Amino acid sequence: MTELSTDPLTLLHVAISLIAIFSGFVVLNQMRASLVSAGWTGIFLATSVLTSITGFVFFHPPGFTPAQGTGIVALLVLAPTLYAFYAKRLAGSWRAIYVIGAVISLYLNVFVLVVQSFLKVPDPAITGGPLFGAVQGIVLIAFIIAGWRGVKRFHPSGA
């Protein structure tokens, strides 16, 4: 039987991650309606940054791990996303940069959620097998479509 960690740091990291995912879906839904909410967007971006940063606090095996790589990519994606939203206020091409960055950031959070969910399954054939690949493929395709639609549809009047 698989055990779930009850370490306070792990629980905090998971809570932050779930808030990032939930608020990210709210922001994505707002993009579809060409709306922007500074509150929801701020929660999403802040918790996405915190998720990546808190992920580096965990003890890792020696050497570079995929989790560290995901965290680095997430922070590199979030930097121009934050700049586009807060400094450039979605002006011109910064609107598309924000949408793409926000969608990639949400995708990475969901990607890790799927990985962690599959790691809780005790059967290694399921964890690393074709079912895992199919689920991650479906998630990736869904986010590519969401990103494409977001760039096409997201034209908030206040931006």
C-alpha atoms as a PDB file:
ATOM      1  CA  MET A   1       0.000   0.000   0.000  1.00  0.00           C
ATOM      2  CA  THR A   2       1.269   3.452  -0.869  1.00  0.00           C
ATOM      3  CA  GLU A   3       1.635   5.969   1.949  1.00  0.00           C
ATOM      4  CA  LEU A   4       0.979   9.660   1.596  1.00  0.00           C
ATOM      5  CA  SER A   5       3.451  11.957   3.311  1.00  0.00           C
ATOM      6  CA  THR A   6       2.068  14.042   6.127  1.00  0.00           C
ATOM      7  CA  ASP A   7       5.228  16.107   6.506  1.00  0.00           C
ATOM      8  CA  PRO A   8       4.105  19.748   6.997  1.00  0.00           C
ATOM      9  CA  LEU A   9       6.387  20.989   4.197  1.00  0.00           C
ATOM     10  CA  THR A  10       4.963  18.418   1.790  1.00  0.00           C
ATOM     11  CA  LEU A  11       1.396  19.278   2.776  1.00  0.00           C
ATOM     12  CA  LEU A  12       2.114  23.003   2.302  1.00  0.00           C
ATOM     13  CA  HIS A  13       3.689  22.344  -1.100  1.00  0.00           C
ATOM     14  CA  VAL A  14       0.711  20.227  -2.178  1.00  0.00           C
ATOM     15  CA  ALA A  15      -1.773  22.841  -0.953  1.00  0.00           C
ATOM     16  CA  ILE A  16       0.049  25.616  -2.832  1.00  0.00           C
ATOM     17  CA  SER A  17       0.161  23.437  -5.951  1.00  0.00           C
ATOM     18  CA  LEU A  18      -3.563  22.673  -5.798  1.00  0.00           C
ATOM     19  CA  ILE A  19      -4.371  26.365  -5.349  1.00  0.00           C
ATOM     20  CA  ALA A  20      -2.170  27.135  -8.363  1.00  0.00           C
ATOM     21  CA  ILE A  21      -3.994  24.548 -10.461  1.00  0.00           C
ATOM     22  CA  PHE A  22      -7.480  25.633  -9.360  1.00  0.00           C
ATOM     23  CA  SER A  23      -6.775  29.342  -9.839  1.00  0.00           C
ATOM     24  CA  GLY A  24      -5.041  28.560 -13.137  1.00  0.00           C
ATOM     25  CA  PHE A  25      -8.193  26.942 -14.472  1.00  0.00           C
ATOM     26  CA  VAL A  26     -10.195  29.980 -13.341  1.00  0.00           C
ATOM     27  CA  VAL A  27      -7.747  32.251 -15.209  1.00  0.00           C
ATOM     28  CA  LEU A  28      -7.854  29.991 -18.277  1.00  0.00           C
ATOM     29  CA  ASN A  29     -11.648  30.119 -18.267  1.00  0.00           C
ATOM     30  CA  GLN A  30     -11.514  33.910 -17.998  1.00  0.00           C
ATOM     31  CA  MET A  31      -9.177  34.021 -20.984  1.00  0.00           C
ATOM     32  CA  ARG A  32     -11.753  32.135 -23.029  1.00  0.00           C
ATOM     33  CA  ALA A  33     -14.250  34.903 -22.193  1.00  0.00           C
ATOM     34  CA  SER A  34     -11.653  37.634 -22.854  1.00  0.00           C
ATOM     35  CA  LEU A  35     -11.766  38.692 -19.214  1.00  0.00           C
ATOM     36  CA  VAL A  36      -8.915  39.449 -16.871  1.00  0.00           C
ATOM     37  CA  SER A  37      -9.040  39.432 -13.088  1.00  0.00           C
ATOM     38  CA  ALA A  38      -6.018  40.865 -11.314  1.00  0.00           C
ATOM     39  CA  GLY A  39      -6.987  38.908  -8.195  1.00  0.00           C
ATOM     40  CA  TRP A  40      -7.289  35.455  -9.747  1.00  0.00           C
ATOM     41  CA  THR A  41      -4.289  36.063 -11.984  1.00  0.00           C
ATOM     42  CA  GLY A  42      -2.212  37.221  -9.031  1.00  0.00           C
ATOM     43  CA  ILE A  43      -3.154  34.133  -7.018  1.00  0.00           C
ATOM     44  CA  PHE A  44      -2.351  31.877  -9.959  1.00  0.00           C
ATOM     45  CA  LEU A  45       1.013  33.461 -10.753  1.00  0.00           C
ATOM     46  CA  ALA A  46       2.093  33.753  -7.107  1.00  0.00           C
ATOM     47  CA  THR A  47       1.179  30.166  -6.241  1.00  0.00           C
ATOM     48  CA  SER A  48       2.807  28.895  -9.426  1.00  0.00           C
ATOM     49  CA  VAL A  49       6.061  30.625  -8.447  1.00  0.00           C
ATOM     50  CA  LEU A  50       5.748  29.312  -4.882  1.00  0.00           C
ATOM     51  CA  THR A  51       5.073  25.782  -6.131  1.00  0.00           C
ATOM     52  CA  SER A  52       8.296  25.800  -8.126  1.00  0.00           C
ATOM     53  CA  ILE A  53      10.342  27.366  -5.334  1.00  0.00           C
ATOM     54  CA  THR A  54       9.036  25.048  -2.613  1.00  0.00           C
ATOM     55  CA  GLY A  55       9.778  22.092  -4.893  1.00  0.00           C
ATOM     56  CA  PHE A  56      13.498  22.866  -4.566  1.00  0.00           C
ATOM     57  CA  VAL A  57      13.345  22.585  -0.773  1.00  0.00           C
ATOM     58  CA  PHE A  58      12.806  18.834  -0.811  1.00  0.00           C
ATOM     59  CA  PHE A  59      15.797  16.563  -0.459  1.00  0.00           C
ATOM     60  CA  HIS A  60      16.704  15.044  -3.788  1.00  0.00           C
ATOM     61  CA  PRO A  61      19.058  12.243  -4.689  1.00  0.00           C
ATOM     62  CA  PRO A  62      22.527  13.379  -5.725  1.00  0.00           C
ATOM     63  CA  GLY A  63      22.654  14.879  -9.198  1.00  0.00           C
ATOM     64  CA  PHE A  64      20.127  16.618 -11.352  1.00  0.00           C
ATOM     65  CA  THR A  65      16.554  15.280 -11.228  1.00  0.00           C
ATOM     66  CA  PRO A  66      13.547  15.664 -13.574  1.00  0.00           C
ATOM     67  CA  ALA A  67      11.710  17.465 -10.747  1.00  0.00           C
ATOM     68  CA  GLN A  68      14.459  20.074 -10.579  1.00  0.00           C
ATOM     69  CA  GLY A  69      14.376  20.448 -14.353  1.00  0.00           C
ATOM     70  CA  THR A  70      10.616  20.981 -14.299  1.00  0.00           C
ATOM     71  CA  GLY A  71      11.002  23.606 -11.577  1.00  0.00           C
ATOM     72  CA  ILE A  72      13.671  25.467 -13.548  1.00  0.00           C
ATOM     73  CA  VAL A  73      11.579  25.409 -16.739  1.00  0.00           C
ATOM     74  CA  ALA A  74       8.524  26.591 -14.795  1.00  0.00           C
ATOM     75  CA  LEU A  75      10.399  29.561 -13.340  1.00  0.00           C
ATOM     76  CA  LEU A  76      11.899  30.431 -16.743  1.00  0.00           C
ATOM     77  CA  VAL A  77       8.391  30.405 -18.240  1.00  0.00           C
ATOM     78  CA  LEU A  78       6.946  32.454 -15.399  1.00  0.00           C
ATOM     79  CA  ALA A  79       9.526  35.261 -15.690  1.00  0.00           C
ATOM     80  CA  PRO A  80       8.284  36.681 -19.032  1.00  0.00           C
ATOM     81  CA  THR A  81       4.697  35.822 -18.070  1.00  0.00           C
ATOM     82  CA  LEU A  82       4.932  37.988 -14.964  1.00  0.00           C
ATOM     83  CA  TYR A  83       6.672  40.734 -16.937  1.00  0.00           C
ATOM     84  CA  ALA A  84       3.985  40.656 -19.646  1.00  0.00           C
ATOM     85  CA  PHE A  85       1.171  40.914 -17.117  1.00  0.00           C
ATOM     86  CA  TYR A  86       2.566  43.356 -14.569  1.00  0.00           C
ATOM     87  CA  ALA A  87       5.144  45.482 -16.402  1.00  0.00           C
ATOM     88  CA  LYS A  88       3.782  45.526 -19.951  1.00  0.00           C
ATOM     89  CA  ARG A  89       0.101  45.243 -18.963  1.00  0.00           C
ATOM     90  CA  LEU A  90      -0.613  42.848 -21.868  1.00  0.00           C
ATOM     91  CA  ALA A  91       0.190  45.523 -24.466  1.00  0.00           C
ATOM     92  CA  GLY A  92       0.812  44.382 -28.035  1.00  0.00           C
ATOM     93  CA  SER A  93       2.624  41.083 -28.391  1.00  0.00           C
ATOM     94  CA  TRP A  94       2.932  40.838 -24.599  1.00  0.00           C
ATOM     95  CA  ARG A  95      -0.682  39.654 -24.514  1.00  0.00           C
ATOM     96  CA  ALA A  96       0.238  36.504 -26.443  1.00  0.00           C
ATOM     97  CA  ILE A  97       3.400  36.034 -24.369  1.00  0.00           C
ATOM     98  CA  TYR A  98       1.284  36.198 -21.215  1.00  0.00           C
ATOM     99  CA  VAL A  99      -1.308  33.737 -22.529  1.00  0.00           C
ATOM    100  CA  ILE A 100       1.296  31.241 -23.722  1.00  0.00           C
ATOM    101  CA  GLY A 101       3.283  31.538 -20.491  1.00  0.00           C
ATOM    102  CA  ALA A 102       0.213  31.190 -18.287  1.00  0.00           C
ATOM    103  CA  VAL A 103      -0.989  28.132 -20.206  1.00  0.00           C
ATOM    104  CA  ILE A 104       2.462  26.508 -20.102  1.00  0.00           C
ATOM    105  CA  SER A 105       2.712  27.236 -16.377  1.00  0.00           C
ATOM    106  CA  LEU A 106      -0.679  25.656 -15.723  1.00  0.00           C
ATOM    107  CA  TYR A 107       0.262  22.710 -17.944  1.00  0.00           C
ATOM    108  CA  LEU A 108       3.452  22.103 -15.964  1.00  0.00           C
ATOM    109  CA  ASN A 109       1.475  22.141 -12.714  1.00  0.00           C
ATOM    110  CA  VAL A 110      -1.019  19.633 -14.118  1.00  0.00           C
ATOM    111  CA  PHE A 111       1.818  17.554 -15.631  1.00  0.00           C
ATOM    112  CA  VAL A 112       3.355  17.195 -12.167  1.00  0.00           C
ATOM    113  CA  LEU A 113      -0.077  16.406 -10.683  1.00  0.00           C
ATOM    114  CA  VAL A 114      -0.481  13.549 -13.173  1.00  0.00           C
ATOM    115  CA  VAL A 115       3.047  12.282 -12.465  1.00  0.00           C
ATOM    116  CA  GLN A 116       2.474  12.380  -8.703  1.00  0.00           C
ATOM    117  CA  SER A 117      -0.917  10.698  -9.084  1.00  0.00           C
ATOM    118  CA  PHE A 118       0.575   7.851 -11.088  1.00  0.00           C
ATOM    119  CA  LEU A 119       3.441   7.473  -8.605  1.00  0.00           C
ATOM    120  CA  LYS A 120       0.845   6.682  -5.937  1.00  0.00           C
ATOM    121  CA  VAL A 121      -0.242   3.599  -7.927  1.00  0.00           C
ATOM    122  CA  PRO A 122       1.733   0.585  -6.655  1.00  0.00           C
ATOM    123  CA  ASP A 123       1.762  -1.229 -10.041  1.00  0.00           C
ATOM    124  CA  PRO A 124       4.918  -0.182 -11.977  1.00  0.00           C
ATOM    125  CA  ALA A 125       3.311  -1.291 -15.259  1.00  0.00           C
ATOM    126  CA  ILE A 126       0.723   1.458 -14.818  1.00  0.00           C
ATOM    127  CA  THR A 127       3.126   4.086 -13.445  1.00  0.00           C
ATOM    128  CA  GLY A 128       5.520   4.025 -16.396  1.00  0.00           C
ATOM    129  CA  GLY A 129       3.407   2.259 -18.972  1.00  0.00           C
ATOM    130  CA  PRO A 130       1.347   3.275 -21.987  1.00  0.00           C
ATOM    131  CA  LEU A 131      -1.577   4.445 -19.848  1.00  0.00           C
ATOM    132  CA  PHE A 132       0.655   7.081 -18.253  1.00  0.00           C
ATOM    133  CA  GLY A 133       1.886   8.196 -21.668  1.00  0.00           C
ATOM    134  CA  ALA A 134      -1.644   8.345 -23.044  1.00  0.00           C
ATOM    135  CA  VAL A 135      -2.902  10.451 -20.135  1.00  0.00           C
ATOM    136  CA  GLN A 136       0.043  12.858 -20.419  1.00  0.00           C
ATOM    137  CA  GLY A 137      -0.489  13.022 -24.201  1.00  0.00           C
ATOM    138  CA  ILE A 138      -4.158  13.910 -23.773  1.00  0.00           C
ATOM    139  CA  VAL A 139      -3.267  16.558 -21.188  1.00  0.00           C
ATOM    140  CA  LEU A 140      -0.638  18.045 -23.513  1.00  0.00           C
ATOM    141  CA  ILE A 141      -3.026  18.164 -26.489  1.00  0.00           C
ATOM    142  CA  ALA A 142      -5.729  19.783 -24.340  1.00  0.00           C
ATOM    143  CA  PHE A 143      -3.314  22.504 -23.222  1.00  0.00           C
ATOM    144  CA  ILE A 144      -2.022  23.119 -26.750  1.00  0.00           C
ATOM    145  CA  ILE A 145      -5.617  23.659 -27.876  1.00  0.00           C
ATOM    146  CA  ALA A 146      -6.340  25.866 -24.847  1.00  0.00           C
ATOM    147  CA  GLY A 147      -3.241  27.945 -25.537  1.00  0.00           C
ATOM    148  CA  TRP A 148      -4.086  28.370 -29.213  1.00  0.00           C
ATOM    149  CA  ARG A 149      -7.645  29.378 -28.365  1.00  0.00           C
ATOM    150  CA  GLY A 150      -6.403  31.694 -25.624  1.00  0.00           C
ATOM    151  CA  VAL A 151      -4.109  33.578 -27.976  1.00  0.00           C
ATOM    152  CA  LYS A 152      -6.922  33.912 -30.529  1.00  0.00           C
ATOM    153  CA  ARG A 153      -9.701  34.886 -28.094  1.00  0.00           C
ATOM    154  CA  PHE A 154      -8.056  36.755 -25.225  1.00  0.00           C
ATOM    155  CA  HIS A 155      -8.388  40.460 -25.989  1.00  0.00           C
ATOM    156  CA  PRO A 156      -9.440  42.068 -22.712  1.00  0.00           C
ATOM    157  CA  SER A 157     -10.777  45.585 -23.063  1.00  0.00           C
ATOM    158  CA  GLY A 158      -8.837  46.860 -20.036  1.00  0.00           C
ATOM    159  CA  ALA A 159      -5.475  45.714 -21.388  1.00  0.00           C
END
